[in-house]
Protein backbone atom coordinates (compact mmCIF):
# COMPACT_ATOMS: atom_id res chain seq x y z
CA MET A 1 121.16 94.03 -19.62
CA SER A 2 123.00 94.27 -16.54
CA GLU A 3 125.53 91.99 -15.12
CA PRO A 4 125.54 90.36 -11.72
CA GLY A 5 127.54 92.04 -9.19
CA PRO A 6 130.60 90.69 -7.85
CA PRO A 7 130.03 87.82 -5.06
CA ALA A 8 131.42 89.60 -2.32
CA ARG A 9 128.93 92.23 -2.62
CA ALA A 10 126.08 89.58 -2.93
CA ASP A 11 127.53 87.92 0.36
CA MET A 12 127.27 91.53 2.10
CA ARG A 13 123.64 92.27 1.36
CA ARG A 14 122.87 88.58 2.56
CA ALA A 15 124.53 89.05 5.71
CA VAL A 16 122.78 92.67 6.16
CA GLY A 17 119.50 90.77 5.47
CA SER A 18 120.42 87.80 8.03
CA LEU A 19 121.43 90.76 10.77
CA VAL A 20 118.02 92.75 10.10
CA VAL A 21 116.06 89.35 10.21
CA ALA A 22 117.94 88.59 14.00
CA ALA A 23 117.19 92.37 14.89
CA VAL A 24 113.69 91.60 14.08
CA THR A 25 113.17 88.46 16.21
CA LEU A 26 115.28 90.10 19.05
CA VAL A 27 112.46 93.01 19.19
CA GLY A 28 109.64 90.67 18.97
CA VAL A 29 110.96 88.45 21.77
CA VAL A 30 111.60 91.53 23.94
CA LEU A 31 108.32 92.69 23.73
CA VAL A 32 106.88 89.49 24.39
CA VAL A 33 108.63 89.43 27.78
CA ILE A 34 107.95 92.91 28.55
CA LEU A 35 103.87 91.99 27.53
CA VAL A 36 104.07 88.79 29.78
CA GLY A 37 105.91 91.19 32.43
CA VAL A 38 103.09 93.62 32.31
CA LEU A 39 100.37 91.71 32.60
CA ALA A 40 101.86 88.89 35.43
CA ALA A 41 103.15 92.46 37.46
CA PRO A 42 100.01 92.77 39.36
CA VAL A 43 99.42 89.42 40.15
CA ALA A 44 102.88 89.35 41.83
CA LEU A 45 102.72 92.87 43.39
CA PHE A 46 99.19 91.41 45.01
CA SER A 47 100.92 88.59 46.31
CA VAL A 48 103.86 90.72 47.62
CA PHE A 49 101.19 92.98 49.85
CA GLY A 50 98.98 90.11 50.96
CA ALA A 51 101.86 88.63 52.71
CA VAL A 52 103.26 91.69 54.05
CA LEU A 53 99.99 93.58 54.55
CA GLY A 54 97.99 90.79 55.45
CA PRO A 55 95.69 90.76 58.65
CA GLY A 56 97.83 90.95 61.82
CA ASP A 57 97.36 88.21 64.06
CA GLY A 58 94.48 88.85 67.01
CA ASN A 59 95.66 86.44 69.66
CA ARG A 60 99.50 88.03 69.03
CA ILE A 61 98.50 91.32 69.50
CA ALA A 62 96.17 90.36 72.46
CA LEU A 63 99.22 88.29 74.31
CA ASP A 64 101.25 91.72 73.61
CA ILE A 65 98.68 93.83 75.24
CA VAL A 66 98.92 91.83 78.28
CA GLU A 67 102.59 91.78 78.70
CA ARG A 68 102.38 95.44 78.10
CA SER A 69 99.63 95.97 80.56
CA VAL A 70 101.28 94.06 83.51
CA ALA A 71 104.32 95.57 82.93
CA ALA A 72 102.69 99.26 83.06
CA ARG A 73 101.11 98.13 86.29
CA VAL A 74 103.96 97.30 88.12
CA ASP A 75 105.62 100.59 86.97
CA ARG A 76 102.91 102.18 88.53
CA LEU A 77 102.94 100.99 91.96
CA GLY A 78 106.50 101.38 91.77
CA TYR A 79 107.97 101.60 95.31
CA TRP A 80 105.78 100.23 97.73
CA HIS A 81 106.10 101.25 101.52
CA GLU A 82 102.16 101.13 102.71
CA GLN A 83 101.90 98.41 105.63
CA THR A 84 98.61 96.70 104.55
CA ASP A 85 97.26 92.64 103.76
CA ALA A 86 97.27 90.97 100.52
CA GLU A 87 93.78 91.21 100.17
CA SER A 88 93.78 94.81 99.98
CA VAL A 89 95.95 95.04 97.79
CA ALA A 90 94.32 92.42 95.38
CA ALA A 91 91.16 94.52 96.10
CA GLU A 92 92.26 98.00 95.43
CA ARG A 93 95.21 97.76 93.19
CA LEU A 94 94.54 94.72 91.32
CA SER A 95 91.24 94.32 90.56
CA GLY A 96 89.79 95.91 87.34
CA THR A 97 90.71 97.13 83.78
CA PHE A 98 94.28 98.61 83.53
CA GLY A 99 95.19 99.64 80.46
CA ALA A 100 93.53 97.68 77.75
CA ALA A 101 93.59 94.21 79.86
CA GLU A 102 91.13 92.78 82.62
CA PHE A 103 93.01 92.02 85.94
CA THR A 104 91.20 89.35 87.99
CA PRO A 105 92.67 88.33 91.41
CA ILE A 106 93.01 84.49 91.86
CA ALA A 107 94.47 84.10 95.24
CA TRP A 108 96.54 86.41 97.51
CA SER A 109 98.91 85.54 101.06
CA GLY A 110 100.86 87.44 103.41
CA ARG A 111 101.08 90.84 104.40
CA VAL A 112 103.23 94.22 103.80
CA ALA A 113 105.12 94.92 107.10
CA LEU A 114 108.88 95.29 108.31
CA GLY A 115 110.41 92.05 106.71
CA GLN A 116 106.99 90.60 105.35
CA ALA A 117 105.86 90.67 101.90
CA ALA A 118 102.42 90.19 100.28
CA THR A 119 101.84 88.14 96.91
CA VAL A 120 98.56 88.63 94.79
CA ASP A 121 98.28 85.77 92.09
CA VAL A 122 96.17 87.24 88.88
CA LEU A 123 94.47 86.48 86.15
CA VAL A 124 95.44 89.03 83.19
CA ARG A 125 93.42 88.80 80.09
CA SER A 126 92.60 90.65 76.59
CA ARG A 127 90.43 90.47 73.76
CA VAL A 128 90.89 92.09 70.43
CA ASP A 129 88.06 92.59 67.57
CA ALA A 130 88.66 91.89 63.95
CA ARG A 131 89.30 95.17 62.34
CA ALA A 132 89.33 95.33 58.22
CA PRO A 133 91.80 97.67 56.65
CA ALA A 134 90.36 101.25 55.98
CA THR A 135 92.57 102.29 53.67
CA PHE A 136 94.92 100.61 50.68
CA GLY A 137 97.92 99.64 52.22
CA GLU A 138 96.40 99.37 56.32
CA ARG A 139 96.32 96.61 57.58
CA GLY A 140 93.38 94.93 59.45
CA THR A 141 93.64 92.60 62.39
CA THR A 142 91.71 88.91 63.08
CA ALA A 143 89.84 88.31 65.76
CA GLY A 144 92.02 87.11 68.97
CA SER A 145 92.28 86.81 72.53
CA ALA A 146 95.44 85.92 75.70
CA ALA A 147 95.29 85.07 79.03
CA ALA A 148 97.86 84.77 81.51
CA CYS A 149 98.61 84.82 84.98
CA TYR A 150 101.36 86.57 86.80
CA ARG A 151 102.15 86.74 90.88
CA PHE A 152 102.54 90.25 92.20
CA THR A 153 104.83 90.69 94.99
CA PHE A 154 104.71 93.44 97.13
CA PRO A 155 107.86 93.90 99.67
CA SER A 156 108.14 96.25 102.49
CA THR A 157 110.09 99.45 101.09
CA ASP A 158 111.38 98.24 98.17
CA PHE A 159 109.61 97.98 94.26
CA VAL A 160 106.68 96.01 93.19
CA GLY A 161 107.20 93.07 90.83
CA ALA A 162 105.86 90.57 88.73
CA ASP A 163 106.60 87.32 87.19
CA PRO A 164 104.61 84.88 85.02
CA ILE A 165 102.71 81.59 86.24
CA ASP A 166 101.23 78.94 85.28
CA CYS A 167 97.85 79.37 85.40
CA PRO A 168 95.91 76.74 87.71
CA PRO A 169 94.02 74.28 86.03
CA GLY A 170 90.29 74.49 85.40
CA LEU A 171 90.94 78.57 86.28
CA ALA A 172 88.26 79.18 83.04
CA ALA A 173 85.16 77.37 84.91
CA ALA A 174 86.07 78.11 88.52
CA THR A 175 84.23 80.84 90.56
CA LEU A 176 86.89 83.17 91.75
CA PRO A 177 86.90 84.44 94.99
CA THR A 178 86.47 88.34 95.72
CA PRO A 179 88.72 90.38 97.53
CA THR A 180 87.38 92.70 100.37
CA PRO A 181 89.52 95.48 101.18
CA THR A 182 90.75 95.45 104.95
CA VAL A 183 90.38 98.94 106.16
CA PRO A 184 93.36 99.57 108.36
CA PRO A 185 93.28 101.01 111.85
CA ARG A 186 93.70 104.68 112.44
CA LEU A 187 93.60 107.18 114.63
CA PRO A 188 90.19 108.60 116.22
CA ASP A 189 89.41 111.99 114.83
CA ASP A 190 89.39 113.22 118.60
CA ALA A 191 92.40 111.57 119.15
CA ARG A 192 94.26 115.07 119.89
CA GLU A 193 91.79 115.99 122.52
CA VAL A 194 92.24 112.59 124.42
CA ILE A 195 95.74 113.68 124.27
CA ALA A 196 95.05 117.07 125.53
CA ASP A 197 92.89 115.46 128.34
CA ILE A 198 95.40 113.19 129.54
CA LEU A 199 97.99 115.73 130.02
CA ALA A 200 96.12 117.95 131.79
CA ASP A 201 94.29 115.54 133.95
CA PRO A 202 96.33 115.84 137.43
CA SER A 203 94.78 112.87 138.76
CA ALA A 204 95.70 110.43 136.06
CA GLU A 205 98.76 107.89 138.20
CA THR A 206 100.86 108.58 134.97
CA ALA A 207 100.34 110.02 131.45
CA GLU A 208 101.97 106.65 130.00
CA GLN A 209 99.71 104.23 131.61
CA SER A 210 96.09 106.56 130.35
CA LEU A 211 97.30 106.95 126.90
CA ARG A 212 97.83 103.42 126.60
CA SER A 213 94.65 102.42 128.03
CA ALA A 214 93.06 105.14 125.63
CA PHE A 215 95.16 103.57 122.43
CA PRO A 216 95.34 99.63 123.33
CA ALA A 217 99.13 98.28 122.16
CA SER A 218 97.15 95.69 119.37
CA VAL A 219 96.81 98.51 117.49
CA PHE A 220 98.77 101.94 118.63
CA THR A 221 101.71 102.98 120.10
CA VAL A 222 102.54 105.04 122.73
CA GLU A 223 105.45 106.72 123.91
CA VAL A 224 106.22 109.41 126.66
CA VAL A 225 109.73 110.97 127.71
CA THR A 226 110.67 113.98 129.65
CA THR A 227 113.44 116.18 128.04
CA GLY A 228 116.38 117.52 130.19
CA ALA A 229 114.55 121.41 129.62
CA GLY A 230 111.60 119.51 131.54
CA GLU A 231 109.25 119.18 128.58
CA ARG A 232 107.05 116.12 128.27
CA VAL A 233 107.14 114.66 124.49
CA VAL A 234 104.16 112.47 123.72
CA ALA A 235 103.93 109.87 120.53
CA VAL A 236 100.87 108.16 119.81
CA GLY A 237 100.68 106.18 116.04
CA ALA A 238 98.68 103.73 114.32
CA PRO A 239 101.51 101.73 112.25
CA ALA A 240 99.20 100.22 110.06
CA SER A 241 97.82 103.50 108.40
CA ASN A 242 101.19 105.69 108.98
CA ASP A 243 99.15 107.91 111.40
CA CYS A 244 101.54 109.77 114.13
CA ILE A 245 100.41 112.48 116.99
CA LEU A 246 103.89 114.61 118.15
CA ILE A 247 102.78 116.60 120.95
CA VAL A 248 105.27 118.45 123.20
CA GLU A 249 103.65 120.02 126.63
CA ARG A 250 106.30 122.98 127.16
CA ASP A 251 107.10 123.74 131.03
CA ASP A 252 104.49 125.92 131.48
CA GLY A 253 101.89 123.39 130.05
CA THR A 254 100.96 124.91 126.85
CA LEU A 255 100.94 121.68 124.21
CA ASP A 256 102.95 122.17 120.68
CA GLU A 257 102.51 120.14 117.53
CA PRO A 258 106.68 120.74 116.19
CA GLY A 259 105.64 118.53 112.84
CA PHE A 260 108.09 115.88 110.80
CA ASP A 261 108.59 114.74 107.69
CA PRO A 262 106.18 112.36 106.97
CA VAL A 263 108.89 110.29 105.46
CA TRP A 264 110.30 109.65 108.99
CA ILE A 265 107.79 107.76 109.71
CA LEU A 266 107.11 105.08 107.20
CA PRO A 267 108.42 101.50 107.88
CA GLY A 268 112.06 101.07 108.23
CA GLU A 269 112.36 105.14 109.31
CA THR A 270 112.14 105.85 112.93
CA GLY A 271 108.58 105.23 113.13
CA CYS A 272 106.14 107.03 115.03
CA ALA A 273 108.53 107.92 118.27
CA THR A 274 109.36 110.95 120.47
CA SER A 275 112.86 110.82 118.75
CA LEU A 276 111.17 112.71 115.88
CA TYR A 277 111.58 115.46 118.22
CA THR A 278 114.16 114.81 120.78
CA ASP A 279 116.42 113.07 118.01
CA PRO A 280 115.34 114.14 114.51
CA PRO A 281 116.68 111.97 111.27
CA LEU A 282 119.39 114.57 109.65
């Protein structure tokens, strides 16, 4: 019959047993935590994806399209120098679809001329259709729309601008006017022949008077000068369309067109004048 071991050895066995039980308990707790985490992870993951990859706001997207379309239109119109009226600008430059937005003029006033500017108020609209995500991780889009009003300013020899304005009340139900472009006066197709016939007619009292009768001052400009070399210089223009004919009658009666830089006849420059030949810009 064996005798019981010393007390110190028994205490050691009890301590080891307690450590084993504690370790097993700890492992069990860790396993439970891991299992709960694994089961809960998909729910948390889908919650995150739902917040980050949920459908985009269609109204916000449509408004962004409106703003970007207006900015792009301003850039496209750029530096303006054409003399015209606001209604023509509204009809030809600000009616229709530009980018992904629809432009509808609602009011216009003024004209583009030296020292003057034309303004056109425009309703700009955009629509976005609802779209479901095609692949995992792709965002869908809710249906949406946006509408905003802008005032476009067309100065003479400066850059076009556009500023947001309040849309008039009741605009959605209003019948909007339709702008009609005005065809600017141009020199007639036979203008050169008319000028040549007048210069060749010895019975004409003066060439300038005959030219002014043929090209009325309300629409056209006429200048006639004689140089020190005995050359007669004629300039006949239609400022509204930047048309200009420059003819030089040499001392032997022959007619020449010396040509000029088209920029020189634009508003703010020399214009259609005899100085295009006698004193051309540098």
